[in-house]
Amino acid sequence: MNDSTLHPLAHDYLKRLKKAAANLPRARRKELVGEIEAHLSEALPADASEADVLNVVERLGEPAEIVAETG
């Protein structure tokens, strides 16, 4: 599963993460987004429901918090 095949809510989460990580060095930003995208791909089946996605992204936390912890 890649970014284009993720549930729309997961895709939106990645977009918000990319925006929150805009000030990180490019290599670190790509690494972070790749890690989270891989996690979403592993955690969500192809037929994930909206509730499934919301549960997973809630456990991940807000994108800005993830970026702040990466800092």
PDB file of N, CA and C in Angstrom:
ATOM      1  N   MET A   1       0.858  -1.172   0.000  1.00  0.00           N
ATOM      2  CA  MET A   1       0.000   0.000   0.000  1.00  0.00           C
ATOM      3  C   MET A   1       0.903   1.234   0.000  1.00  0.00           C
ATOM      4  N   ASN A   2       0.585   2.176  -0.839  1.00  0.00           N
ATOM      5  CA  ASN A   2       1.353   3.413  -0.814  1.00  0.00           C
ATOM      6  C   ASN A   2       0.405   4.574  -0.588  1.00  0.00           C
ATOM      7  N   ASP A   3       0.971   5.774  -0.565  1.00  0.00           N
ATOM      8  CA  ASP A   3       0.211   6.989  -0.271  1.00  0.00           C
ATOM      9  C   ASP A   3      -1.057   7.086  -1.106  1.00  0.00           C
ATOM     10  N   SER A   4      -1.008   6.686  -2.374  1.00  0.00           N
ATOM     11  CA  SER A   4      -2.175   6.835  -3.249  1.00  0.00           C
ATOM     12  C   SER A   4      -3.249   5.781  -2.978  1.00  0.00           C
ATOM     13  N   THR A   5      -2.910   4.694  -2.306  1.00  0.00           N
ATOM     14  CA  THR A   5      -3.903   3.664  -2.036  1.00  0.00           C
ATOM     15  C   THR A   5      -4.401   3.692  -0.595  1.00  0.00           C
ATOM     16  N   LEU A   6      -3.899   4.603   0.198  1.00  0.00           N
ATOM     17  CA  LEU A   6      -4.354   4.723   1.570  1.00  0.00           C
ATOM     18  C   LEU A   6      -5.771   5.287   1.622  1.00  0.00           C
ATOM     19  N   HIS A   7      -6.454   4.992   2.686  1.00  0.00           N
ATOM     20  CA  HIS A   7      -7.771   5.569   2.943  1.00  0.00           C
ATOM     21  C   HIS A   7      -7.635   7.098   2.892  1.00  0.00           C
ATOM     22  N   PRO A   8      -8.639   7.803   2.399  1.00  0.00           N
ATOM     23  CA  PRO A   8      -8.548   9.268   2.306  1.00  0.00           C
ATOM     24  C   PRO A   8      -8.194   9.963   3.631  1.00  0.00           C
ATOM     25  N   LEU A   9      -8.665   9.438   4.750  1.00  0.00           N
ATOM     26  CA  LEU A   9      -8.310  10.048   6.034  1.00  0.00           C
ATOM     27  C   LEU A   9      -6.830   9.857   6.358  1.00  0.00           C
ATOM     28  N   ALA A  10      -6.279   8.712   6.009  1.00  0.00           N
ATOM     29  CA  ALA A  10      -4.855   8.475   6.225  1.00  0.00           C
ATOM     30  C   ALA A  10      -4.030   9.361   5.295  1.00  0.00           C
ATOM     31  N   HIS A  11      -4.496   9.514   4.075  1.00  0.00           N
ATOM     32  CA  HIS A  11      -3.825  10.395   3.113  1.00  0.00           C
ATOM     33  C   HIS A  11      -3.816  11.834   3.648  1.00  0.00           C
ATOM     34  N   ASP A  12      -4.939  12.275   4.194  1.00  0.00           N
ATOM     35  CA  ASP A  12      -5.031  13.617   4.772  1.00  0.00           C
ATOM     36  C   ASP A  12      -4.068  13.765   5.949  1.00  0.00           C
ATOM     37  N   TYR A  13      -3.964  12.723   6.756  1.00  0.00           N
ATOM     38  CA  TYR A  13      -3.049  12.752   7.899  1.00  0.00           C
ATOM     39  C   TYR A  13      -1.605  12.943   7.419  1.00  0.00           C
ATOM     40  N   LEU A  14      -1.229  12.230   6.366  1.00  0.00           N
ATOM     41  CA  LEU A  14       0.123  12.375   5.825  1.00  0.00           C
ATOM     42  C   LEU A  14       0.353  13.775   5.268  1.00  0.00           C
ATOM     43  N   LYS A  15      -0.654  14.349   4.640  1.00  0.00           N
ATOM     44  CA  LYS A  15      -0.527  15.719   4.137  1.00  0.00           C
ATOM     45  C   LYS A  15      -0.297  16.688   5.288  1.00  0.00           C
ATOM     46  N   ARG A  16      -1.033  16.495   6.379  1.00  0.00           N
ATOM     47  CA  ARG A  16      -0.847  17.364   7.545  1.00  0.00           C
ATOM     48  C   ARG A  16       0.524  17.152   8.171  1.00  0.00           C
ATOM     49  N   LEU A  17       1.010  15.921   8.159  1.00  0.00           N
ATOM     50  CA  LEU A  17       2.345  15.636   8.686  1.00  0.00           C
ATOM     51  C   LEU A  17       3.407  16.323   7.832  1.00  0.00           C
ATOM     52  N   LYS A  18       3.281  16.226   6.512  1.00  0.00           N
ATOM     53  CA  LYS A  18       4.243  16.881   5.624  1.00  0.00           C
ATOM     54  C   LYS A  18       4.267  18.382   5.861  1.00  0.00           C
ATOM     55  N   LYS A  19       3.104  18.978   6.045  1.00  0.00           N
ATOM     56  CA  LYS A  19       3.025  20.420   6.299  1.00  0.00           C
ATOM     57  C   LYS A  19       3.670  20.762   7.640  1.00  0.00           C
ATOM     58  N   ALA A  20       3.388  19.968   8.666  1.00  0.00           N
ATOM     59  CA  ALA A  20       3.960  20.215   9.992  1.00  0.00           C
ATOM     60  C   ALA A  20       5.476  20.048   9.992  1.00  0.00           C
ATOM     61  N   ALA A  21       5.970  19.172   9.124  1.00  0.00           N
ATOM     62  CA  ALA A  21       7.414  18.883   9.070  1.00  0.00           C
ATOM     63  C   ALA A  21       8.161  19.759   8.077  1.00  0.00           C
ATOM     64  N   ALA A  22       7.509  20.751   7.531  1.00  0.00           N
ATOM     65  CA  ALA A  22       8.115  21.581   6.486  1.00  0.00           C
ATOM     66  C   ALA A  22       9.445  22.207   6.893  1.00  0.00           C
ATOM     67  N   ASN A  23       9.620  22.477   8.171  1.00  0.00           N
ATOM     68  CA  ASN A  23      10.861  23.129   8.613  1.00  0.00           C
ATOM     69  C   ASN A  23      11.981  22.155   8.952  1.00  0.00           C
ATOM     70  N   LEU A  24      11.693  20.870   8.910  1.00  0.00           N
ATOM     71  CA  LEU A  24      12.743  19.880   9.152  1.00  0.00           C
ATOM     72  C   LEU A  24      13.656  19.803   7.929  1.00  0.00           C
ATOM     73  N   PRO A  25      14.901  19.393   8.138  1.00  0.00           N
ATOM     74  CA  PRO A  25      15.758  19.153   6.965  1.00  0.00           C
ATOM     75  C   PRO A  25      15.089  18.138   6.035  1.00  0.00           C
ATOM     76  N   ARG A  26      15.268  18.320   4.751  1.00  0.00           N
ATOM     77  CA  ARG A  26      14.564  17.508   3.757  1.00  0.00           C
ATOM     78  C   ARG A  26      14.717  16.000   4.001  1.00  0.00           C
ATOM     79  N   ALA A  27      15.930  15.558   4.260  1.00  0.00           N
ATOM     80  CA  ALA A  27      16.165  14.128   4.462  1.00  0.00           C
ATOM     81  C   ALA A  27      15.399  13.616   5.677  1.00  0.00           C
ATOM     82  N   ARG A  28      15.398  14.378   6.757  1.00  0.00           N
ATOM     83  CA  ARG A  28      14.690  13.949   7.966  1.00  0.00           C
ATOM     84  C   ARG A  28      13.185  13.956   7.736  1.00  0.00           C
ATOM     85  N   ARG A  29      12.700  14.954   7.006  1.00  0.00           N
ATOM     86  CA  ARG A  29      11.266  15.033   6.697  1.00  0.00           C
ATOM     87  C   ARG A  29      10.830  13.817   5.891  1.00  0.00           C
ATOM     88  N   LYS A  30      11.600  13.474   4.857  1.00  0.00           N
ATOM     89  CA  LYS A  30      11.271  12.311   4.027  1.00  0.00           C
ATOM     90  C   LYS A  30      11.296  11.031   4.859  1.00  0.00           C
ATOM     91  N   GLU A  31      12.281  10.912   5.746  1.00  0.00           N
ATOM     92  CA  GLU A  31      12.395   9.727   6.597  1.00  0.00           C
ATOM     93  C   GLU A  31      11.185   9.622   7.531  1.00  0.00           C
ATOM     94  N   LEU A  32      10.831  10.720   8.166  1.00  0.00           N
ATOM     95  CA  LEU A  32       9.707  10.729   9.098  1.00  0.00           C
ATOM     96  C   LEU A  32       8.394  10.389   8.395  1.00  0.00           C
ATOM     97  N   VAL A  33       8.139  11.051   7.281  1.00  0.00           N
ATOM     98  CA  VAL A  33       6.901  10.787   6.536  1.00  0.00           C
ATOM     99  C   VAL A  33       6.881   9.338   6.048  1.00  0.00           C
ATOM    100  N   GLY A  34       8.018   8.846   5.595  1.00  0.00           N
ATOM    101  CA  GLY A  34       8.098   7.451   5.146  1.00  0.00           C
ATOM    102  C   GLY A  34       7.812   6.468   6.267  1.00  0.00           C
ATOM    103  N   GLU A  35       8.328   6.765   7.465  1.00  0.00           N
ATOM    104  CA  GLU A  35       8.076   5.892   8.614  1.00  0.00           C
ATOM    105  C   GLU A  35       6.592   5.858   8.964  1.00  0.00           C
ATOM    106  N   ILE A  36       5.973   7.024   8.990  1.00  0.00           N
ATOM    107  CA  ILE A  36       4.555   7.091   9.351  1.00  0.00           C
ATOM    108  C   ILE A  36       3.696   6.464   8.253  1.00  0.00           C
ATOM    109  N   GLU A  37       4.054   6.692   6.999  1.00  0.00           N
ATOM    110  CA  GLU A  37       3.307   6.085   5.896  1.00  0.00           C
ATOM    111  C   GLU A  37       3.404   4.562   5.968  1.00  0.00           C
ATOM    112  N   ALA A  38       4.594   4.049   6.267  1.00  0.00           N
ATOM    113  CA  ALA A  38       4.765   2.600   6.390  1.00  0.00           C
ATOM    114  C   ALA A  38       3.926   2.062   7.548  1.00  0.00           C
ATOM    115  N   HIS A  39       3.903   2.793   8.636  1.00  0.00           N
ATOM    116  CA  HIS A  39       3.095   2.364   9.779  1.00  0.00           C
ATOM    117  C   HIS A  39       1.616   2.316   9.404  1.00  0.00           C
ATOM    118  N   LEU A  40       1.139   3.360   8.732  1.00  0.00           N
ATOM    119  CA  LEU A  40      -0.262   3.386   8.324  1.00  0.00           C
ATOM    120  C   LEU A  40      -0.571   2.228   7.376  1.00  0.00           C
ATOM    121  N   SER A  41       0.328   1.969   6.453  1.00  0.00           N
ATOM    122  CA  SER A  41       0.124   0.877   5.496  1.00  0.00           C
ATOM    123  C   SER A  41       0.046  -0.474   6.192  1.00  0.00           C
ATOM    124  N   GLU A  42       0.875  -0.652   7.225  1.00  0.00           N
ATOM    125  CA  GLU A  42       0.881  -1.922   7.958  1.00  0.00           C
ATOM    126  C   GLU A  42      -0.326  -2.036   8.882  1.00  0.00           C
ATOM    127  N   ALA A  43      -0.730  -0.927   9.473  1.00  0.00           N
ATOM    128  CA  ALA A  43      -1.788  -0.955  10.484  1.00  0.00           C
ATOM    129  C   ALA A  43      -3.190  -0.985   9.888  1.00  0.00           C
ATOM    130  N   LEU A  44      -3.319  -0.552   8.639  1.00  0.00           N
ATOM    131  CA  LEU A  44      -4.648  -0.435   8.040  1.00  0.00           C
ATOM    132  C   LEU A  44      -4.818  -1.396   6.865  1.00  0.00           C
ATOM    133  N   PRO A  45      -5.830  -2.247   6.934  1.00  0.00           N
ATOM    134  CA  PRO A  45      -6.105  -3.105   5.784  1.00  0.00           C
ATOM    135  C   PRO A  45      -6.631  -2.262   4.618  1.00  0.00           C
ATOM    136  N   ALA A  46      -6.596  -2.812   3.432  1.00  0.00           N
ATOM    137  CA  ALA A  46      -7.054  -2.082   2.243  1.00  0.00           C
ATOM    138  C   ALA A  46      -8.505  -1.645   2.363  1.00  0.00           C
ATOM    139  N   ASP A  47      -9.300  -2.412   3.095  1.00  0.00           N
ATOM    140  CA  ASP A  47     -10.715  -2.072   3.243  1.00  0.00           C
ATOM    141  C   ASP A  47     -11.015  -1.426   4.599  1.00  0.00           C
ATOM    142  N   ALA A  48     -10.039  -0.704   5.145  1.00  0.00           N
ATOM    143  CA  ALA A  48     -10.201  -0.077   6.458  1.00  0.00           C
ATOM    144  C   ALA A  48     -11.393   0.876   6.468  1.00  0.00           C
ATOM    145  N   SER A  49     -12.107   0.846   7.570  1.00  0.00           N
ATOM    146  CA  SER A  49     -13.240   1.762   7.727  1.00  0.00           C
ATOM    147  C   SER A  49     -12.722   3.100   8.247  1.00  0.00           C
ATOM    148  N   GLU A  50     -13.581   4.095   8.201  1.00  0.00           N
ATOM    149  CA  GLU A  50     -13.224   5.412   8.731  1.00  0.00           C
ATOM    150  C   GLU A  50     -12.863   5.295  10.215  1.00  0.00           C
ATOM    151  N   ALA A  51     -13.609   4.490  10.957  1.00  0.00           N
ATOM    152  CA  ALA A  51     -13.327   4.302  12.384  1.00  0.00           C
ATOM    153  C   ALA A  51     -11.956   3.660  12.596  1.00  0.00           C
ATOM    154  N   ASP A  52     -11.596   2.698  11.745  1.00  0.00           N
ATOM    155  CA  ASP A  52     -10.279   2.066  11.839  1.00  0.00           C
ATOM    156  C   ASP A  52      -9.174   3.111  11.676  1.00  0.00           C
ATOM    157  N   VAL A  53      -9.325   3.937  10.664  1.00  0.00           N
ATOM    158  CA  VAL A  53      -8.309   4.951  10.375  1.00  0.00           C
ATOM    159  C   VAL A  53      -8.227   5.955  11.518  1.00  0.00           C
ATOM    160  N   LEU A  54      -9.362   6.421  11.980  1.00  0.00           N
ATOM    161  CA  LEU A  54      -9.371   7.389  13.078  1.00  0.00           C
ATOM    162  C   LEU A  54      -8.715   6.822  14.319  1.00  0.00           C
ATOM    163  N   ASN A  55      -8.926   5.550  14.588  1.00  0.00           N
ATOM    164  CA  ASN A  55      -8.310   4.903  15.739  1.00  0.00           C
ATOM    165  C   ASN A  55      -6.787   4.891  15.605  1.00  0.00           C
ATOM    166  N   VAL A  56      -6.296   4.538  14.438  1.00  0.00           N
ATOM    167  CA  VAL A  56      -4.843   4.470  14.214  1.00  0.00           C
ATOM    168  C   VAL A  56      -4.211   5.858  14.294  1.00  0.00           C
ATOM    169  N   VAL A  57      -4.796   6.844  13.630  1.00  0.00           N
ATOM    170  CA  VAL A  57      -4.168   8.173  13.647  1.00  0.00           C
ATOM    171  C   VAL A  57      -4.291   8.831  15.026  1.00  0.00           C
ATOM    172  N   GLU A  58      -5.333   8.485  15.765  1.00  0.00           N
ATOM    173  CA  GLU A  58      -5.455   9.008  17.129  1.00  0.00           C
ATOM    174  C   GLU A  58      -4.322   8.478  18.000  1.00  0.00           C
ATOM    175  N   ARG A  59      -3.987   7.207  17.823  1.00  0.00           N
ATOM    176  CA  ARG A  59      -2.876   6.615  18.583  1.00  0.00           C
ATOM    177  C   ARG A  59      -1.538   7.226  18.180  1.00  0.00           C
ATOM    178  N   LEU A  60      -1.407   7.617  16.915  1.00  0.00           N
ATOM    179  CA  LEU A  60      -0.167   8.251  16.473  1.00  0.00           C
ATOM    180  C   LEU A  60       0.001   9.635  17.088  1.00  0.00           C
ATOM    181  N   GLY A  61      -1.088  10.356  17.214  1.00  0.00           N
ATOM    182  CA  GLY A  61      -1.033  11.712  17.746  1.00  0.00           C
ATOM    183  C   GLY A  61      -1.080  12.740  16.633  1.00  0.00           C
ATOM    184  N   GLU A  62      -1.175  13.983  17.041  1.00  0.00           N
ATOM    185  CA  GLU A  62      -1.225  15.069  16.071  1.00  0.00           C
ATOM    186  C   GLU A  62       0.104  15.189  15.331  1.00  0.00           C
ATOM    187  N   PRO A  63       0.053  15.469  14.041  1.00  0.00           N
ATOM    188  CA  PRO A  63       1.290  15.608  13.259  1.00  0.00           C
ATOM    189  C   PRO A  63       2.276  16.611  13.858  1.00  0.00           C
ATOM    190  N   ALA A  64       1.789  17.734  14.345  1.00  0.00           N
ATOM    191  CA  ALA A  64       2.688  18.739  14.933  1.00  0.00           C
ATOM    192  C   ALA A  64       3.408  18.186  16.163  1.00  0.00           C
ATOM    193  N   GLU A  65       2.729  17.332  16.936  1.00  0.00           N
ATOM    194  CA  GLU A  65       3.355  16.728  18.110  1.00  0.00           C
ATOM    195  C   GLU A  65       4.441  15.742  17.688  1.00  0.00           C
ATOM    196  N   ILE A  66       4.177  14.986  16.634  1.00  0.00           N
ATOM    197  CA  ILE A  66       5.188  14.042  16.142  1.00  0.00           C
ATOM    198  C   ILE A  66       6.437  14.789  15.706  1.00  0.00           C
ATOM    199  N   VAL A  67       6.238  15.878  14.980  1.00  0.00           N
ATOM    200  CA  VAL A  67       7.370  16.675  14.504  1.00  0.00           C
ATOM    201  C   VAL A  67       8.124  17.284  15.680  1.00  0.00           C
ATOM    202  N   ALA A  68       7.413  17.793  16.680  1.00  0.00           N
ATOM    203  CA  ALA A  68       8.048  18.395  17.847  1.00  0.00           C
ATOM    204  C   ALA A  68       8.900  17.362  18.598  1.00  0.00           C
ATOM    205  N   GLU A  69       8.412  16.131  18.668  1.00  0.00           N
ATOM    206  CA  GLU A  69       9.166  15.069  19.352  1.00  0.00           C
ATOM    207  C   GLU A  69      10.389  14.663  18.543  1.00  0.00           C
ATOM    208  N   THR A  70      10.329  14.867  17.240  1.00  0.00           N
ATOM    209  CA  THR A  70      11.439  14.494  16.369  1.00  0.00           C
ATOM    210  C   THR A  70      12.565  15.505  16.474  1.00  0.00           C
ATOM    211  N   GLY A  71      12.131  16.779  16.595  1.00  0.00           N
ATOM    212  CA  GLY A  71      12.979  17.943  16.646  1.00  0.00           C
ATOM    213  C   GLY A  71      14.402  17.703  16.834  1.00  0.00           C
TER     214      GLY A  71
END
